Amino acid sequence: MDRKNTLHLSAEQIPVRSSSRSPEKSDASGLKRIREWETERSSCTEEAKRQRKRLKTTSSFDAGYWTRRRDIAEMDLRATLLTKKISIASFKNRTDDSTRDFVNSEEGRRLMLQEESLRLDRKLFKAQAERMGSKEPEFNLRRSFTQLFVGAETGLGIKNSRGQRDNSLQSAFRSELILKTGSEHPVMDDQLWCPILRNYLPDISVIAGHLFPCKCGEATMQAIFGRSDSGHSELFRAENGILWSQQAEDRFEAGHFVVVPDVPDQSTEQQLDTWEASDPKEYKIRVLNPTDTSMKKTIWGRDITWAALDNERLQFKTSFRPRARFLYFAYCTAMLRRSFGGKHLEVSRGELRKRFWGTPGRYMFEGMLLGFVEEMGHDYQHLLDGAIKEDEAVVDATGVVVANQCIQDKLKVDDDEEPDSDDDDDDDKDDNKGDAERPGCAHMTLDGC
């Protein structure tokens, strides 16, 4: 079954089989409805593709542009709603389980994330269209938000004259990470260190991962974080990355764990000051989804599960560390994903309010973090502890757009979705040594499955 654009359906929206019909007639009626939904979904999907291709030829970012993006998001959402109906109807036909059982399954959770992410897209594009249609649009917001849709092809917008990214940047990025983290094996030249797994692995299974997605460009990075202390771009610098196993990156991008300062959950002011003054600063793993199937797998060479890594310190080989602000952005992305689940799944308010990043800091502009809190709700007010204060902070959705795209990108990968032929190459994994020929057996061996 094609699971593209899938999401969660509440019980009251699901067509209910009439008990007055015979099972044969009821089954035939159900199959007819599914075929009708599939036909309508195909129509929505094809129309959305046509509209995207037309949009990529535009040169104006006026209110009409954002209205068209909103309309595309609406078509995507409609296609997703139809796929949701098909998925749940098929699930109920295959099993005796209830809709609630489906919602709480891993497939159901993935579909729910897809729904919420698409709804957020629609909301953000609609709001931007209204701003651009006003007499006095907020210039700062317009500039940073629009910047996401220019430059290198991002999956968010337009392909411009820059064309495909220079692959040498990623190669240099990986080489710098290997050098600064001292990850090479002292004897075996085909082994690299993973600070998450605390083990040397075959270099074809080790990824130079970006914490802030490189496809969003330097201008967007500066809009969210400000200029770097050195004044030079850090988009393709080691400060914006971690060298780790493919399996660790997959779980990190899926929001199953985050990397946070290594301080106690209920830290005293003295403990926070000690961490802030430390050099190098230490970080630890906090597991967010211990019940996910991938987190229950045994880690190769360690005889523990991924979920058992909770509260374990990352083990680096040198004093070099990734920049805290980029780790904080990844943390905010994980919290956005977590907030989607809180709207549908049985997650307590106390669990939603749980903080995993324990130290205050100056990581992202206040307006950007206000954008996260506005979308996620006051349960996530603590994210503002990482704000770079502004005299007159204005809510800016740029960071939320980037985070939401990260979530969507991971959902597409998990859904084994083929990229469109006119899309750019995979953004963060190009030119990682061995990525192009990464064998499936490497995943199986390192996962212990």
Protein backbone atom coordinates (compact mmCIF):
# COMPACT_ATOMS: atom_id res chain seq x y z
CA MET A 1 0.00 0.00 0.00
CA ASP A 2 1.21 3.51 -0.81
CA ARG A 3 1.58 5.20 2.55
CA LYS A 4 2.61 8.59 1.21
CA ASN A 5 1.07 11.54 3.04
CA THR A 6 -0.53 9.59 5.89
CA LEU A 7 -1.88 10.73 9.26
CA HIS A 8 -4.12 10.08 12.24
CA LEU A 9 -7.92 9.92 12.13
CA SER A 10 -10.13 10.32 15.15
CA ALA A 11 -12.62 7.57 15.86
CA GLU A 12 -15.69 9.69 15.10
CA GLN A 13 -14.43 10.39 11.57
CA ILE A 14 -14.07 6.76 10.53
CA PRO A 15 -16.88 5.25 8.44
CA VAL A 16 -18.64 2.68 10.60
CA ARG A 17 -19.77 -0.65 9.16
CA SER A 18 -23.53 -1.08 9.41
CA SER A 19 -24.53 -4.17 11.32
CA SER A 20 -27.70 -4.50 9.20
CA ARG A 21 -25.69 -5.61 6.18
CA SER A 22 -24.28 -9.04 5.57
CA PRO A 23 -20.47 -9.32 5.97
CA GLU A 24 -20.10 -9.87 2.20
CA LYS A 25 -22.01 -6.69 1.26
CA SER A 26 -20.28 -4.71 3.99
CA ASP A 27 -16.84 -5.82 2.79
CA ALA A 28 -17.72 -4.92 -0.80
CA SER A 29 -18.91 -1.50 0.30
CA GLY A 30 -15.71 -0.96 2.28
CA LEU A 31 -13.54 -1.88 -0.70
CA LYS A 32 -15.49 0.50 -2.91
CA ARG A 33 -14.95 3.36 -0.47
CA ILE A 34 -11.22 2.62 -0.34
CA ARG A 35 -10.99 2.70 -4.15
CA GLU A 36 -12.81 6.03 -4.20
CA TRP A 37 -10.44 7.45 -1.59
CA GLU A 38 -7.43 6.19 -3.56
CA THR A 39 -8.67 7.88 -6.74
CA GLU A 40 -9.27 11.18 -4.96
CA ARG A 41 -5.88 10.97 -3.24
CA SER A 42 -4.11 10.47 -6.56
CA SER A 43 -5.85 13.55 -7.94
CA CYS A 44 -4.76 15.67 -4.94
CA THR A 45 -1.19 14.40 -5.10
CA GLU A 46 -0.81 15.07 -8.83
CA GLU A 47 -2.29 18.54 -8.53
CA ALA A 48 0.08 19.38 -5.67
CA LYS A 49 3.04 18.25 -7.79
CA ARG A 50 1.92 20.43 -10.70
CA GLN A 51 1.52 23.44 -8.44
CA ARG A 52 5.00 22.92 -6.94
CA LYS A 53 6.60 22.89 -10.38
CA ARG A 54 4.80 26.10 -11.30
CA LEU A 55 5.85 27.68 -8.01
CA LYS A 56 9.53 26.97 -8.69
CA THR A 57 9.48 29.38 -11.64
CA THR A 58 8.33 32.35 -9.56
CA SER A 59 10.55 35.31 -8.73
CA SER A 60 8.17 37.20 -6.45
CA PHE A 61 7.55 36.50 -2.78
CA ASP A 62 4.37 38.55 -2.47
CA ALA A 63 1.13 37.62 -0.73
CA GLY A 64 0.08 35.62 -3.79
CA TYR A 65 3.15 33.39 -3.51
CA TRP A 66 2.43 32.50 0.11
CA THR A 67 -1.23 31.93 -0.70
CA ARG A 68 -0.20 29.40 -3.36
CA ARG A 69 2.09 27.68 -0.87
CA ARG A 70 -0.80 27.52 1.57
CA ASP A 71 -2.99 25.98 -1.15
CA ILE A 72 -0.34 23.35 -1.87
CA ALA A 73 -0.13 22.54 1.83
CA GLU A 74 -3.91 22.22 1.83
CA MET A 75 -3.76 19.71 -1.04
CA ASP A 76 -1.02 17.74 0.70
CA LEU A 77 -3.09 17.66 3.86
CA ARG A 78 -6.16 16.51 1.95
CA ALA A 79 -4.18 13.70 0.34
CA THR A 80 -2.87 12.78 3.77
CA LEU A 81 -6.37 12.68 5.25
CA LEU A 82 -7.44 10.32 2.49
CA THR A 83 -4.45 8.07 3.02
CA LYS A 84 -5.26 8.07 6.71
CA LYS A 85 -8.75 6.80 6.02
CA ILE A 86 -7.36 4.06 3.78
CA SER A 87 -4.74 3.03 6.36
CA ILE A 88 -7.17 2.84 9.25
CA ALA A 89 -9.85 1.04 7.23
CA SER A 90 -7.27 -1.53 6.12
CA PHE A 91 -5.98 -1.86 9.69
CA LYS A 92 -9.46 -2.59 11.02
CA ASN A 93 -10.10 -5.09 8.24
CA ARG A 94 -6.85 -6.92 9.01
CA THR A 95 -7.23 -7.02 12.78
CA ASP A 96 -9.83 -7.04 15.51
CA ASP A 97 -8.14 -4.07 17.17
CA SER A 98 -9.80 -0.72 17.72
CA THR A 99 -8.93 2.65 16.23
CA ARG A 100 -7.32 3.55 19.55
CA ASP A 101 -4.95 0.60 19.11
CA PHE A 102 -3.99 1.91 15.68
CA VAL A 103 -3.37 5.45 16.97
CA ASN A 104 -0.99 4.11 19.60
CA SER A 105 0.87 1.86 17.16
CA GLU A 106 4.15 3.00 15.64
CA GLU A 107 2.49 3.45 12.26
CA GLY A 108 -0.29 5.45 13.85
CA ARG A 109 2.19 7.70 15.63
CA ARG A 110 4.05 8.33 12.41
CA LEU A 111 0.82 9.24 10.62
CA MET A 112 -0.13 11.59 13.44
CA LEU A 113 3.20 13.41 13.12
CA GLN A 114 2.63 13.77 9.40
CA GLU A 115 -0.77 15.33 10.02
CA GLU A 116 0.39 17.86 12.58
CA SER A 117 3.42 18.85 10.53
CA LEU A 118 1.29 19.53 7.46
CA ARG A 119 -1.25 21.48 9.50
CA LEU A 120 1.57 23.64 10.81
CA ASP A 121 2.79 24.29 7.26
CA ARG A 122 -0.68 25.43 6.24
CA LYS A 123 -0.96 27.71 9.24
CA LEU A 124 2.47 29.32 8.78
CA PHE A 125 2.00 29.98 5.05
CA LYS A 126 -1.43 31.45 5.63
CA ALA A 127 -0.06 33.80 8.30
CA GLN A 128 2.81 34.86 6.03
CA ALA A 129 0.38 35.61 3.20
CA GLU A 130 -1.62 37.83 5.54
CA ARG A 131 1.52 39.67 6.69
CA MET A 132 2.67 40.31 3.13
CA GLY A 133 -0.80 41.51 2.20
CA SER A 134 -0.85 44.08 5.00
CA LYS A 135 0.17 47.69 4.41
CA GLU A 136 3.09 47.52 6.82
CA PRO A 137 4.55 44.00 6.86
CA GLU A 138 7.09 43.28 9.55
CA PHE A 139 10.35 43.60 7.62
CA ASN A 140 12.57 41.54 9.90
CA LEU A 141 10.15 38.63 9.92
CA ARG A 142 9.57 38.88 6.19
CA ARG A 143 13.30 38.91 5.46
CA SER A 144 14.27 35.93 7.62
CA PHE A 145 11.21 33.89 6.70
CA THR A 146 11.56 34.53 2.97
CA GLN A 147 15.28 33.74 3.08
CA LEU A 148 14.34 30.09 3.59
CA PHE A 149 12.91 29.99 0.09
CA VAL A 150 15.89 31.36 -1.81
CA GLY A 151 19.49 30.23 -2.18
CA ALA A 152 20.31 26.58 -2.75
CA GLU A 153 17.35 24.31 -3.37
CA THR A 154 16.05 23.46 0.08
CA GLY A 155 12.94 21.42 -0.43
CA LEU A 156 11.19 24.51 0.93
CA GLY A 157 11.22 26.66 -2.16
CA ILE A 158 12.96 27.70 -5.33
CA LYS A 159 16.01 26.46 -7.21
CA ASN A 160 18.09 29.49 -8.14
CA SER A 161 21.22 30.01 -10.19
CA ARG A 162 23.49 28.54 -7.52
CA GLY A 163 22.46 25.07 -8.60
CA GLN A 164 23.66 22.00 -6.78
CA ARG A 165 25.70 22.39 -3.63
CA ASP A 166 29.48 22.12 -3.89
CA ASN A 167 30.12 18.59 -2.66
CA SER A 168 33.63 19.55 -1.62
CA LEU A 169 32.07 21.47 1.30
CA GLN A 170 30.68 18.29 2.80
CA SER A 171 33.95 16.43 2.26
CA ALA A 172 35.86 19.21 4.00
CA PHE A 173 33.24 19.23 6.78
CA ARG A 174 33.74 15.53 7.41
CA SER A 175 37.54 15.82 7.33
CA GLU A 176 37.49 18.69 9.83
CA LEU A 177 35.23 16.73 12.17
CA ILE A 178 37.51 13.69 12.04
CA LEU A 179 40.55 15.86 12.76
CA LYS A 180 39.09 17.98 15.57
CA THR A 181 37.38 15.09 17.34
CA GLY A 182 40.40 12.79 17.04
CA SER A 183 38.09 10.05 15.81
CA GLU A 184 40.53 7.94 13.82
CA HIS A 185 41.54 4.59 15.25
CA PRO A 186 45.19 4.61 16.37
CA VAL A 187 45.93 1.47 14.35
CA MET A 188 43.06 0.61 11.98
CA ASP A 189 42.62 3.30 9.34
CA ASP A 190 39.11 2.15 8.37
CA GLN A 191 37.64 2.68 11.87
CA LEU A 192 36.15 5.86 13.37
CA TRP A 193 34.95 6.67 16.89
CA CYS A 194 31.27 7.24 17.76
CA PRO A 195 30.83 9.28 20.99
CA ILE A 196 27.27 7.99 21.40
CA LEU A 197 28.11 4.29 21.20
CA ARG A 198 31.55 4.72 22.79
CA ASN A 199 33.06 2.43 20.24
CA TYR A 200 35.07 2.36 17.01
CA LEU A 201 33.00 1.45 13.95
CA PRO A 202 33.67 0.86 10.24
CA ASP A 203 34.08 4.27 8.64
CA ILE A 204 31.36 3.50 6.07
CA SER A 205 28.88 3.40 8.98
CA VAL A 206 29.97 6.72 10.52
CA ILE A 207 28.26 9.93 9.41
CA ALA A 208 29.34 13.56 9.53
CA GLY A 209 25.96 14.90 10.62
CA HIS A 210 24.81 18.54 10.59
CA LEU A 211 22.96 19.74 13.68
CA PHE A 212 21.52 22.78 11.89
CA PRO A 213 20.54 21.68 8.35
CA CYS A 214 23.01 22.99 5.81
CA LYS A 215 20.36 23.18 3.09
CA CYS A 216 18.74 26.17 4.81
CA GLY A 217 21.73 28.37 4.12
CA GLU A 218 23.96 30.84 5.93
CA ALA A 219 21.46 33.72 5.88
CA THR A 220 18.87 31.63 7.70
CA MET A 221 21.47 30.45 10.20
CA GLN A 222 22.38 34.05 11.00
CA ALA A 223 18.71 35.06 11.26
CA ILE A 224 18.17 32.39 13.94
CA PHE A 225 21.48 32.51 15.86
CA GLY A 226 23.19 35.75 14.88
CA ARG A 227 26.72 35.97 13.53
CA SER A 228 29.31 33.59 14.90
CA ASP A 229 31.92 34.92 17.32
CA SER A 230 34.60 34.48 14.66
CA GLY A 231 32.56 36.30 12.04
CA HIS A 232 32.90 33.32 9.69
CA SER A 233 30.18 30.94 8.56
CA GLU A 234 29.78 27.81 10.69
CA LEU A 235 27.31 26.09 8.38
CA PHE A 236 29.95 23.65 7.15
CA ARG A 237 32.25 23.85 10.15
CA ALA A 238 32.81 21.13 12.72
CA GLU A 239 31.05 23.28 15.35
CA ASN A 240 27.78 22.48 13.55
CA GLY A 241 28.26 18.74 13.52
CA ILE A 242 28.78 15.42 15.22
CA LEU A 243 30.63 12.42 13.84
CA TRP A 244 28.52 9.44 14.82
CA SER A 245 27.07 6.15 13.64
CA GLN A 246 24.33 6.11 11.03
CA GLN A 247 22.09 4.38 13.57
CA ALA A 248 22.63 7.14 16.13
CA GLU A 249 21.83 9.83 13.58
CA ASP A 250 18.67 8.02 12.47
CA ARG A 251 17.36 7.87 16.03
CA PHE A 252 18.41 11.44 16.80
CA GLU A 253 16.65 12.82 13.72
CA ALA A 254 13.55 10.79 14.60
CA GLY A 255 13.43 12.55 17.98
CA HIS A 256 14.02 9.39 19.97
CA PHE A 257 16.83 11.01 21.97
CA VAL A 258 18.44 14.42 22.45
CA VAL A 259 21.91 15.57 23.46
CA VAL A 260 21.85 17.99 26.41
CA PRO A 261 24.24 19.46 29.01
CA ASP A 262 25.42 16.89 31.52
CA VAL A 263 23.81 18.36 34.64
CA PRO A 264 21.31 16.81 37.08
CA ASP A 265 17.62 17.17 36.24
CA GLN A 266 17.10 19.35 39.31
CA SER A 267 20.32 21.33 39.21
CA THR A 268 21.38 23.84 41.82
CA GLU A 269 22.62 27.25 40.75
CA GLN A 270 26.13 26.21 41.73
CA GLN A 271 25.94 23.11 39.50
CA LEU A 272 24.77 25.22 36.58
CA ASP A 273 27.58 27.73 37.13
CA THR A 274 30.09 24.90 37.31
CA TRP A 275 28.94 23.48 33.98
CA GLU A 276 28.95 26.92 32.37
CA ALA A 277 32.52 27.56 33.51
CA SER A 278 33.76 24.11 32.50
CA ASP A 279 36.02 23.56 29.51
CA PRO A 280 35.39 21.33 27.76
CA LYS A 281 31.68 21.13 28.47
CA GLU A 282 30.22 17.66 28.82
CA TYR A 283 26.95 16.45 27.32
CA LYS A 284 24.69 13.47 27.91
CA ILE A 285 21.94 11.53 26.20
CA ARG A 286 18.30 11.89 27.22
CA VAL A 287 15.97 9.29 25.74
CA LEU A 288 12.54 10.65 24.77
CA ASN A 289 10.91 7.55 23.24
CA PRO A 290 12.20 4.46 25.09
CA THR A 291 9.30 2.29 23.87
CA ASP A 292 9.97 2.79 20.16
CA THR A 293 11.01 -0.45 18.44
CA SER A 294 14.32 1.02 17.28
CA MET A 295 15.18 2.00 20.87
CA LYS A 296 14.55 -1.53 22.12
CA LYS A 297 17.22 -2.98 19.84
CA THR A 298 20.52 -4.12 21.27
CA ILE A 299 23.59 -2.03 20.47
CA TRP A 300 26.30 -3.97 18.71
CA GLY A 301 29.30 -4.58 20.92
CA ARG A 302 27.72 -3.24 24.13
CA ASP A 303 24.96 -5.71 25.05
CA ILE A 304 22.52 -2.95 26.06
CA THR A 305 19.55 -1.41 24.29
CA TRP A 306 19.45 2.08 22.83
CA ALA A 307 16.90 3.06 25.49
CA ALA A 308 19.46 2.16 28.17
CA LEU A 309 21.67 5.03 26.99
CA ASP A 310 19.48 7.49 28.91
CA ASN A 311 21.62 9.82 31.06
CA GLU A 312 24.85 8.36 29.66
CA ARG A 313 27.61 10.91 28.97
CA LEU A 314 28.93 11.30 25.44
CA GLN A 315 32.53 10.17 25.27
CA PHE A 316 34.69 12.34 23.04
CA LYS A 317 38.33 11.69 22.22
CA THR A 318 39.45 15.35 22.39
CA SER A 319 38.35 18.56 24.07
CA PHE A 320 36.46 19.67 20.95
CA ARG A 321 32.67 19.93 21.30
CA PRO A 322 29.84 20.93 18.95
CA ARG A 323 28.47 24.44 19.49
CA ALA A 324 25.80 24.46 22.21
CA ARG A 325 23.43 26.66 20.21
CA PHE A 326 23.22 24.10 17.39
CA LEU A 327 22.51 21.33 19.87
CA TYR A 328 19.84 23.61 21.34
CA PHE A 329 18.20 24.05 17.95
CA ALA A 330 18.09 20.24 17.56
CA TYR A 331 16.57 20.07 21.05
CA CYS A 332 13.85 22.59 20.07
CA THR A 333 13.10 20.51 16.96
CA ALA A 334 12.66 17.40 19.13
CA MET A 335 10.34 19.34 21.45
CA LEU A 336 8.26 20.50 18.48
CA ARG A 337 7.90 16.90 17.39
CA ARG A 338 7.02 15.95 20.97
CA SER A 339 4.32 18.64 21.08
CA PHE A 340 2.66 17.09 18.01
CA GLY A 341 2.27 13.84 19.94
CA GLY A 342 0.78 15.65 22.90
CA LYS A 343 -2.18 16.73 20.78
CA HIS A 344 -3.30 13.18 20.02
CA LEU A 345 -1.61 10.61 22.21
CA GLU A 346 -2.26 9.95 25.86
CA VAL A 347 0.61 12.04 27.20
CA SER A 348 0.19 13.69 30.60
CA ARG A 349 0.68 17.44 31.04
CA GLY A 350 3.41 16.64 33.55
CA GLU A 351 5.27 14.60 30.93
CA LEU A 352 4.91 17.36 28.34
CA ARG A 353 6.29 19.94 30.77
CA LYS A 354 9.32 17.80 31.48
CA ARG A 355 12.56 19.64 30.72
CA PHE A 356 15.55 17.85 29.35
CA TRP A 357 17.87 20.81 28.68
CA GLY A 358 18.86 21.97 32.13
CA THR A 359 21.06 25.05 31.55
CA PRO A 360 20.10 28.60 30.56
CA GLY A 361 22.12 30.29 27.84
CA ARG A 362 22.18 32.61 24.85
CA TYR A 363 21.55 30.18 22.02
CA MET A 364 18.87 31.61 19.71
CA PHE A 365 17.22 35.00 19.23
CA GLU A 366 14.28 35.57 21.55
CA GLY A 367 11.88 36.13 18.65
CA MET A 368 12.74 32.74 17.20
CA LEU A 369 12.09 30.96 20.50
CA LEU A 370 8.86 32.90 20.93
CA GLY A 371 7.86 31.42 17.57
CA PHE A 372 8.37 27.91 18.97
CA VAL A 373 6.44 28.64 22.16
CA GLU A 374 3.59 30.25 20.21
CA GLU A 375 3.16 27.09 18.14
CA MET A 376 3.79 24.55 20.91
CA GLY A 377 2.00 26.17 23.84
CA HIS A 378 2.97 27.38 27.31
CA ASP A 379 4.03 23.90 28.40
CA TYR A 380 7.22 24.71 26.46
CA GLN A 381 7.80 28.16 27.93
CA HIS A 382 11.10 26.90 29.34
CA LEU A 383 12.60 27.07 25.85
CA LEU A 384 12.91 30.82 26.38
CA ASP A 385 15.66 30.12 28.92
CA GLY A 386 17.95 29.77 25.89
CA ALA A 387 17.08 33.15 24.40
CA ILE A 388 19.39 35.89 23.18
CA LYS A 389 17.40 38.81 24.58
CA GLU A 390 16.15 41.50 22.21
CA ASP A 391 14.94 45.00 23.09
CA GLU A 392 11.70 44.52 21.19
CA ALA A 393 11.39 40.83 20.39
CA VAL A 394 8.94 40.01 17.60
CA VAL A 395 7.59 36.50 17.14
CA ASP A 396 9.45 35.01 14.16
CA ALA A 397 8.40 31.68 12.65
CA THR A 398 11.64 31.09 10.74
CA GLY A 399 13.08 28.63 13.27
CA VAL A 400 9.79 26.73 13.43
CA VAL A 401 9.70 26.41 9.63
CA VAL A 402 13.21 24.92 9.61
CA ALA A 403 12.42 22.55 12.49
CA ASN A 404 9.17 21.45 10.87
CA GLN A 405 10.99 20.73 7.61
CA CYS A 406 13.51 18.60 9.52
CA ILE A 407 10.61 16.58 10.92
CA GLN A 408 9.04 16.18 7.48
CA ASP A 409 12.35 15.14 5.92
CA LYS A 410 12.74 12.36 8.48
CA LEU A 411 9.15 11.19 8.00
CA LYS A 412 9.76 10.93 4.25
CA VAL A 413 12.87 8.83 4.83
CA ASP A 414 11.01 6.57 7.27
CA ASP A 415 8.23 6.17 4.71
CA ASP A 416 10.76 5.07 2.04
CA GLU A 417 9.52 7.87 -0.16
CA GLU A 418 11.40 8.43 -3.38
CA PRO A 419 12.54 12.03 -3.86
CA ASP A 420 11.04 14.05 -6.71
CA SER A 421 13.17 14.07 -9.82
CA ASP A 422 13.57 17.84 -9.66
CA ASP A 423 14.70 17.90 -6.05
CA ASP A 424 18.28 18.44 -4.94
CA ASP A 425 20.39 15.63 -3.53
CA ASP A 426 20.05 14.63 0.09
CA ASP A 427 21.23 17.62 2.08
CA ASP A 428 23.14 16.52 5.11
CA LYS A 429 24.54 13.15 4.05
CA ASP A 430 26.12 13.90 0.68
CA ASP A 431 29.76 12.96 0.50
CA ASN A 432 29.84 11.23 3.85
CA LYS A 433 32.33 8.50 3.15
CA GLY A 434 30.58 5.30 2.19
CA ASP A 435 27.04 6.75 2.24
CA ALA A 436 26.42 6.06 -1.43
CA GLU A 437 27.26 2.40 -0.96
CA ARG A 438 26.04 1.91 2.59
CA PRO A 439 24.95 -1.73 2.69
CA GLY A 440 21.80 -2.85 4.47
CA CYS A 441 23.83 -5.44 6.36
CA ALA A 442 25.73 -2.64 8.09
CA HIS A 443 22.48 -1.49 9.66
CA MET A 444 21.61 -5.01 10.72
CA THR A 445 25.01 -5.70 12.22
CA LEU A 446 25.28 -2.49 14.20
CA ASP A 447 21.69 -2.65 15.37
CA GLY A 448 22.01 -6.20 16.49
CA CYS A 449 18.82 -7.13 14.66
